[in-house]
Amino acid sequence: MKKDAISTGLFIAIGFLCVAIVIAILIPVVRDVIDKADDNRPDIPKVSLVQPADSGETAVAYTLVHPLV
């Protein structure tokens, strides 16, 4: 009876160890796949600051940069 309990305990412990090793290997792989999938997003148009060429003009114009479609 005692041998059965010890062997069952070792079986469970080895099973947990194998599961822990698989999880430790798979988590970085899954993170890399998710990060690569996020890199395919299109760029969001941004606001750029444009200053006039003449030094007499002090106004600053804000323009939207539109992507070429």
PDB file of N, CA and C in Angstrom:
ATOM      1  N   MET A   1       0.825  -1.190   0.000  1.00  0.00           N
ATOM      2  CA  MET A   1       0.000   0.000   0.000  1.00  0.00           C
ATOM      3  C   MET A   1       0.869   1.254   0.000  1.00  0.00           C
ATOM      4  N   LYS A   2       1.951   1.212   0.798  1.00  0.00           N
ATOM      5  CA  LYS A   2       2.837   2.380   0.874  1.00  0.00           C
ATOM      6  C   LYS A   2       3.561   2.588  -0.453  1.00  0.00           C
ATOM      7  N   LYS A   3       3.941   1.512  -1.138  1.00  0.00           N
ATOM      8  CA  LYS A   3       4.616   1.630  -2.435  1.00  0.00           C
ATOM      9  C   LYS A   3       3.693   2.258  -3.467  1.00  0.00           C
ATOM     10  N   ASP A   4       2.434   1.905  -3.411  1.00  0.00           N
ATOM     11  CA  ASP A   4       1.473   2.487  -4.359  1.00  0.00           C
ATOM     12  C   ASP A   4       1.334   3.989  -4.148  1.00  0.00           C
ATOM     13  N   ALA A   5       1.325   4.407  -2.900  1.00  0.00           N
ATOM     14  CA  ALA A   5       1.193   5.834  -2.606  1.00  0.00           C
ATOM     15  C   ALA A   5       2.435   6.600  -3.074  1.00  0.00           C
ATOM     16  N   ILE A   6       3.601   6.018  -2.845  1.00  0.00           N
ATOM     17  CA  ILE A   6       4.845   6.679  -3.272  1.00  0.00           C
ATOM     18  C   ILE A   6       4.911   6.756  -4.788  1.00  0.00           C
ATOM     19  N   SER A   7       4.575   5.672  -5.472  1.00  0.00           N
ATOM     20  CA  SER A   7       4.648   5.683  -6.937  1.00  0.00           C
ATOM     21  C   SER A   7       3.611   6.634  -7.532  1.00  0.00           C
ATOM     22  N   THR A   8       2.438   6.697  -6.927  1.00  0.00           N
ATOM     23  CA  THR A   8       1.421   7.642  -7.405  1.00  0.00           C
ATOM     24  C   THR A   8       1.882   9.079  -7.188  1.00  0.00           C
ATOM     25  N   GLY A   9       2.472   9.363  -6.060  1.00  0.00           N
ATOM     26  CA  GLY A   9       2.989  10.705  -5.771  1.00  0.00           C
ATOM     27  C   GLY A   9       4.089  11.110  -6.732  1.00  0.00           C
ATOM     28  N   LEU A  10       5.009  10.170  -7.024  1.00  0.00           N
ATOM     29  CA  LEU A  10       6.073  10.460  -7.987  1.00  0.00           C
ATOM     30  C   LEU A  10       5.512  10.675  -9.391  1.00  0.00           C
ATOM     31  N   PHE A  11       4.505   9.888  -9.753  1.00  0.00           N
ATOM     32  CA  PHE A  11       3.871  10.046 -11.063  1.00  0.00           C
ATOM     33  C   PHE A  11       3.254  11.433 -11.194  1.00  0.00           C
ATOM     34  N   ILE A  12       2.562  11.876 -10.158  1.00  0.00           N
ATOM     35  CA  ILE A  12       1.939  13.212 -10.178  1.00  0.00           C
ATOM     36  C   ILE A  12       3.007  14.306 -10.205  1.00  0.00           C
ATOM     37  N   ALA A  13       4.072  14.134  -9.412  1.00  0.00           N
ATOM     38  CA  ALA A  13       5.140  15.141  -9.370  1.00  0.00           C
ATOM     39  C   ALA A  13       5.838  15.254 -10.723  1.00  0.00           C
ATOM     40  N   ILE A  14       6.128  14.134 -11.359  1.00  0.00           N
ATOM     41  CA  ILE A  14       6.773  14.163 -12.676  1.00  0.00           C
ATOM     42  C   ILE A  14       5.835  14.775 -13.711  1.00  0.00           C
ATOM     43  N   GLY A  15       4.547  14.486 -13.598  1.00  0.00           N
ATOM     44  CA  GLY A  15       3.568  15.093 -14.508  1.00  0.00           C
ATOM     45  C   GLY A  15       3.535  16.607 -14.372  1.00  0.00           C
ATOM     46  N   PHE A  16       3.519  17.107 -13.131  1.00  0.00           N
ATOM     47  CA  PHE A  16       3.547  18.562 -12.923  1.00  0.00           C
ATOM     48  C   PHE A  16       4.833  19.172 -13.467  1.00  0.00           C
ATOM     49  N   LEU A  17       5.947  18.475 -13.299  1.00  0.00           N
ATOM     50  CA  LEU A  17       7.228  18.973 -13.799  1.00  0.00           C
ATOM     51  C   LEU A  17       7.208  19.072 -15.322  1.00  0.00           C
ATOM     52  N   CYS A  18       6.670  18.050 -15.984  1.00  0.00           N
ATOM     53  CA  CYS A  18       6.587  18.086 -17.454  1.00  0.00           C
ATOM     54  C   CYS A  18       5.677  19.215 -17.928  1.00  0.00           C
ATOM     55  N   VAL A  19       4.561  19.403 -17.269  1.00  0.00           N
ATOM     56  CA  VAL A  19       3.648  20.489 -17.637  1.00  0.00           C
ATOM     57  C   VAL A  19       4.327  21.841 -17.436  1.00  0.00           C
ATOM     58  N   ALA A  20       5.065  22.010 -16.347  1.00  0.00           N
ATOM     59  CA  ALA A  20       5.763  23.269 -16.090  1.00  0.00           C
ATOM     60  C   ALA A  20       6.819  23.548 -17.160  1.00  0.00           C
ATOM     61  N   ILE A  21       7.536  22.521 -17.589  1.00  0.00           N
ATOM     62  CA  ILE A  21       8.558  22.698 -18.627  1.00  0.00           C
ATOM     63  C   ILE A  21       7.912  23.091 -19.949  1.00  0.00           C
ATOM     64  N   VAL A  22       6.815  22.446 -20.304  1.00  0.00           N
ATOM     65  CA  VAL A  22       6.127  22.777 -21.558  1.00  0.00           C
ATOM     66  C   VAL A  22       5.596  24.203 -21.522  1.00  0.00           C
ATOM     67  N   ILE A  23       5.015  24.608 -20.405  1.00  0.00           N
ATOM     68  CA  ILE A  23       4.506  25.985 -20.281  1.00  0.00           C
ATOM     69  C   ILE A  23       5.657  26.986 -20.369  1.00  0.00           C
ATOM     70  N   ALA A  24       6.780  26.693 -19.738  1.00  0.00           N
ATOM     71  CA  ALA A  24       7.928  27.605 -19.767  1.00  0.00           C
ATOM     72  C   ALA A  24       8.476  27.762 -21.178  1.00  0.00           C
ATOM     73  N   ILE A  25       8.343  26.747 -22.005  1.00  0.00           N
ATOM     74  CA  ILE A  25       8.829  26.836 -23.387  1.00  0.00           C
ATOM     75  C   ILE A  25       7.801  27.518 -24.281  1.00  0.00           C
ATOM     76  N   LEU A  26       6.523  27.234 -24.074  1.00  0.00           N
ATOM     77  CA  LEU A  26       5.491  27.751 -24.975  1.00  0.00           C
ATOM     78  C   LEU A  26       5.167  29.226 -24.771  1.00  0.00           C
ATOM     79  N   ILE A  27       5.279  29.738 -23.564  1.00  0.00           N
ATOM     80  CA  ILE A  27       4.902  31.140 -23.313  1.00  0.00           C
ATOM     81  C   ILE A  27       5.747  32.107 -24.156  1.00  0.00           C
ATOM     82  N   PRO A  28       7.087  32.007 -24.206  1.00  0.00           N
ATOM     83  CA  PRO A  28       7.847  32.923 -25.064  1.00  0.00           C
ATOM     84  C   PRO A  28       7.519  32.766 -26.551  1.00  0.00           C
ATOM     85  N   VAL A  29       7.257  31.538 -26.988  1.00  0.00           N
ATOM     86  CA  VAL A  29       6.931  31.307 -28.403  1.00  0.00           C
ATOM     87  C   VAL A  29       5.610  31.984 -28.750  1.00  0.00           C
ATOM     88  N   VAL A  30       4.620  31.832 -27.886  1.00  0.00           N
ATOM     89  CA  VAL A  30       3.312  32.444 -28.128  1.00  0.00           C
ATOM     90  C   VAL A  30       3.427  33.970 -28.102  1.00  0.00           C
ATOM     91  N   ARG A  31       4.219  34.507 -27.191  1.00  0.00           N
ATOM     92  CA  ARG A  31       4.405  35.962 -27.136  1.00  0.00           C
ATOM     93  C   ARG A  31       5.048  36.487 -28.418  1.00  0.00           C
ATOM     94  N   ASP A  32       6.041  35.780 -28.945  1.00  0.00           N
ATOM     95  CA  ASP A  32       6.678  36.198 -30.196  1.00  0.00           C
ATOM     96  C   ASP A  32       5.685  36.188 -31.350  1.00  0.00           C
ATOM     97  N   VAL A  33       4.846  35.178 -31.420  1.00  0.00           N
ATOM     98  CA  VAL A  33       3.857  35.094 -32.498  1.00  0.00           C
ATOM     99  C   VAL A  33       2.861  36.236 -32.394  1.00  0.00           C
ATOM    100  N   ILE A  34       2.415  36.551 -31.176  1.00  0.00           N
ATOM    101  CA  ILE A  34       1.462  37.649 -30.991  1.00  0.00           C
ATOM    102  C   ILE A  34       2.109  38.988 -31.328  1.00  0.00           C
ATOM    103  N   ASP A  35       3.367  39.190 -30.917  1.00  0.00           N
ATOM    104  CA  ASP A  35       4.062  40.449 -31.228  1.00  0.00           C
ATOM    105  C   ASP A  35       4.243  40.629 -32.731  1.00  0.00           C
ATOM    106  N   LYS A  36       4.559  39.564 -33.437  1.00  0.00           N
ATOM    107  CA  LYS A  36       4.720  39.664 -34.891  1.00  0.00           C
ATOM    108  C   LYS A  36       3.390  39.950 -35.567  1.00  0.00           C
ATOM    109  N   ALA A  37       2.309  39.441 -35.027  1.00  0.00           N
ATOM    110  CA  ALA A  37       0.988  39.689 -35.595  1.00  0.00           C
ATOM    111  C   ALA A  37       0.575  41.151 -35.388  1.00  0.00           C
ATOM    112  N   ASP A  38       1.003  41.771 -34.291  1.00  0.00           N
ATOM    113  CA  ASP A  38       0.667  43.173 -34.020  1.00  0.00           C
ATOM    114  C   ASP A  38       1.448  44.138 -34.900  1.00  0.00           C
ATOM    115  N   ASP A  39       2.564  43.713 -35.488  1.00  0.00           N
ATOM    116  CA  ASP A  39       3.398  44.602 -36.293  1.00  0.00           C
ATOM    117  C   ASP A  39       2.763  44.942 -37.642  1.00  0.00           C
ATOM    118  N   ASN A  40       1.701  44.277 -38.025  1.00  0.00           N
ATOM    119  CA  ASN A  40       1.102  44.499 -39.334  1.00  0.00           C
ATOM    120  C   ASN A  40       0.031  45.578 -39.344  1.00  0.00           C
ATOM    121  N   ARG A  41      -0.096  46.329 -38.298  1.00  0.00           N
ATOM    122  CA  ARG A  41      -1.097  47.384 -38.242  1.00  0.00           C
ATOM    123  C   ARG A  41      -0.696  48.538 -39.161  1.00  0.00           C
ATOM    124  N   PRO A  42      -1.676  49.177 -39.806  1.00  0.00           N
ATOM    125  CA  PRO A  42      -1.333  50.338 -40.640  1.00  0.00           C
ATOM    126  C   PRO A  42      -0.995  51.552 -39.778  1.00  0.00           C
ATOM    127  N   ASP A  43      -0.225  52.467 -40.351  1.00  0.00           N
ATOM    128  CA  ASP A  43       0.142  53.677 -39.628  1.00  0.00           C
ATOM    129  C   ASP A  43      -1.055  54.600 -39.499  1.00  0.00           C
ATOM    130  N   ILE A  44      -1.192  55.205 -38.338  1.00  0.00           N
ATOM    131  CA  ILE A  44      -2.267  56.163 -38.105  1.00  0.00           C
ATOM    132  C   ILE A  44      -1.771  57.532 -38.557  1.00  0.00           C
ATOM    133  N   PRO A  45      -2.574  58.283 -39.339  1.00  0.00           N
ATOM    134  CA  PRO A  45      -2.158  59.617 -39.751  1.00  0.00           C
ATOM    135  C   PRO A  45      -1.903  60.495 -38.525  1.00  0.00           C
ATOM    136  N   LYS A  46      -0.855  61.280 -38.588  1.00  0.00           N
ATOM    137  CA  LYS A  46      -0.455  62.101 -37.441  1.00  0.00           C
ATOM    138  C   LYS A  46      -0.516  63.574 -37.804  1.00  0.00           C
ATOM    139  N   VAL A  47      -0.549  64.411 -36.792  1.00  0.00           N
ATOM    140  CA  VAL A  47      -0.548  65.855 -36.988  1.00  0.00           C
ATOM    141  C   VAL A  47       0.906  66.315 -37.018  1.00  0.00           C
ATOM    142  N   SER A  48       1.254  67.085 -38.054  1.00  0.00           N
ATOM    143  CA  SER A  48       2.614  67.602 -38.133  1.00  0.00           C
ATOM    144  C   SER A  48       2.587  69.114 -37.975  1.00  0.00           C
ATOM    145  N   LEU A  49       3.666  69.649 -37.449  1.00  0.00           N
ATOM    146  CA  LEU A  49       3.801  71.088 -37.215  1.00  0.00           C
ATOM    147  C   LEU A  49       4.546  71.698 -38.392  1.00  0.00           C
ATOM    148  N   VAL A  50       3.903  72.666 -39.078  1.00  0.00           N
ATOM    149  CA  VAL A  50       4.510  73.307 -40.241  1.00  0.00           C
ATOM    150  C   VAL A  50       4.659  74.793 -39.943  1.00  0.00           C
ATOM    151  N   GLN A  51       5.891  75.297 -40.069  1.00  0.00           N
ATOM    152  CA  GLN A  51       6.137  76.717 -39.843  1.00  0.00           C
ATOM    153  C   GLN A  51       6.286  77.417 -41.187  1.00  0.00           C
ATOM    154  N   PRO A  52       5.789  78.657 -41.296  1.00  0.00           N
ATOM    155  CA  PRO A  52       5.902  79.400 -42.558  1.00  0.00           C
ATOM    156  C   PRO A  52       7.365  79.670 -42.918  1.00  0.00           C
ATOM    157  N   ALA A  53       7.630  79.782 -44.226  1.00  0.00           N
ATOM    158  CA  ALA A  53       8.989  80.021 -44.700  1.00  0.00           C
ATOM    159  C   ALA A  53       9.424  81.457 -44.429  1.00  0.00           C
ATOM    160  N   ASP A  54       8.515  82.443 -44.511  1.00  0.00           N
ATOM    161  CA  ASP A  54       8.868  83.841 -44.261  1.00  0.00           C
ATOM    162  C   ASP A  54       9.071  84.061 -42.771  1.00  0.00           C
ATOM    163  N   SER A  55      10.127  84.823 -42.459  1.00  0.00           N
ATOM    164  CA  SER A  55      10.387  85.097 -41.058  1.00  0.00           C
ATOM    165  C   SER A  55       9.407  86.139 -40.509  1.00  0.00           C
ATOM    166  N   GLY A  56       8.752  86.892 -41.393  1.00  0.00           N
ATOM    167  CA  GLY A  56       7.793  87.902 -40.950  1.00  0.00           C
ATOM    168  C   GLY A  56       6.509  87.289 -40.429  1.00  0.00           C
ATOM    169  N   GLU A  57       6.181  86.112 -40.875  1.00  0.00           N
ATOM    170  CA  GLU A  57       4.951  85.467 -40.415  1.00  0.00           C
ATOM    171  C   GLU A  57       5.266  84.660 -39.158  1.00  0.00           C
ATOM    172  N   THR A  58       4.493  84.875 -38.138  1.00  0.00           N
ATOM    173  CA  THR A  58       4.735  84.175 -36.877  1.00  0.00           C
ATOM    174  C   THR A  58       3.678  83.120 -36.584  1.00  0.00           C
ATOM    175  N   ALA A  59       2.681  83.046 -37.443  1.00  0.00           N
ATOM    176  CA  ALA A  59       1.615  82.062 -37.208  1.00  0.00           C
ATOM    177  C   ALA A  59       2.132  80.653 -37.510  1.00  0.00           C
ATOM    178  N   VAL A  60       1.641  79.720 -36.782  1.00  0.00           N
ATOM    179  CA  VAL A  60       2.008  78.321 -36.979  1.00  0.00           C
ATOM    180  C   VAL A  60       0.758  77.586 -37.447  1.00  0.00           C
ATOM    181  N   ALA A  61       0.888  76.875 -38.552  1.00  0.00           N
ATOM    182  CA  ALA A  61      -0.256  76.166 -39.110  1.00  0.00           C
ATOM    183  C   ALA A  61      -0.149  74.688 -38.773  1.00  0.00           C
ATOM    184  N   TYR A  62      -1.254  74.120 -38.362  1.00  0.00           N
ATOM    185  CA  TYR A  62      -1.318  72.681 -38.116  1.00  0.00           C
ATOM    186  C   TYR A  62      -2.040  72.030 -39.286  1.00  0.00           C
ATOM    187  N   THR A  63      -1.384  71.063 -39.879  1.00  0.00           N
ATOM    188  CA  THR A  63      -1.999  70.377 -41.000  1.00  0.00           C
ATOM    189  C   THR A  63      -2.007  68.874 -40.732  1.00  0.00           C
ATOM    190  N   LEU A  64      -2.983  68.224 -41.285  1.00  0.00           N
ATOM    191  CA  LEU A  64      -3.051  66.770 -41.191  1.00  0.00           C
ATOM    192  C   LEU A  64      -2.294  66.155 -42.359  1.00  0.00           C
ATOM    193  N   VAL A  65      -1.510  65.164 -42.082  1.00  0.00           N
ATOM    194  CA  VAL A  65      -0.797  64.466 -43.135  1.00  0.00           C
ATOM    195  C   VAL A  65      -1.679  63.288 -43.551  1.00  0.00           C
ATOM    196  N   HIS A  66      -2.155  63.287 -44.788  1.00  0.00           N
ATOM    197  CA  HIS A  66      -3.026  62.243 -45.291  1.00  0.00           C
ATOM    198  C   HIS A  66      -2.197  61.169 -46.000  1.00  0.00           C
ATOM    199  N   PRO A  67      -2.462  59.909 -45.717  1.00  0.00           N
ATOM    200  CA  PRO A  67      -1.723  58.862 -46.434  1.00  0.00           C
ATOM    201  C   PRO A  67      -2.195  58.750 -47.869  1.00  0.00           C
ATOM    202  N   LEU A  68      -1.287  58.319 -48.743  1.00  0.00           N
ATOM    203  CA  LEU A  68      -1.656  58.127 -50.145  1.00  0.00           C
ATOM    204  C   LEU A  68      -2.480  56.854 -50.253  1.00  0.00           C
ATOM    205  N   VAL A  69      -3.620  56.979 -50.887  1.00  0.00           N
ATOM    206  CA  VAL A  69      -4.510  55.823 -51.026  1.00  0.00           C
ATOM    207  C   VAL A  69      -4.458  55.293 -52.427  1.00  0.00           C
TER     208      VAL A  69
END
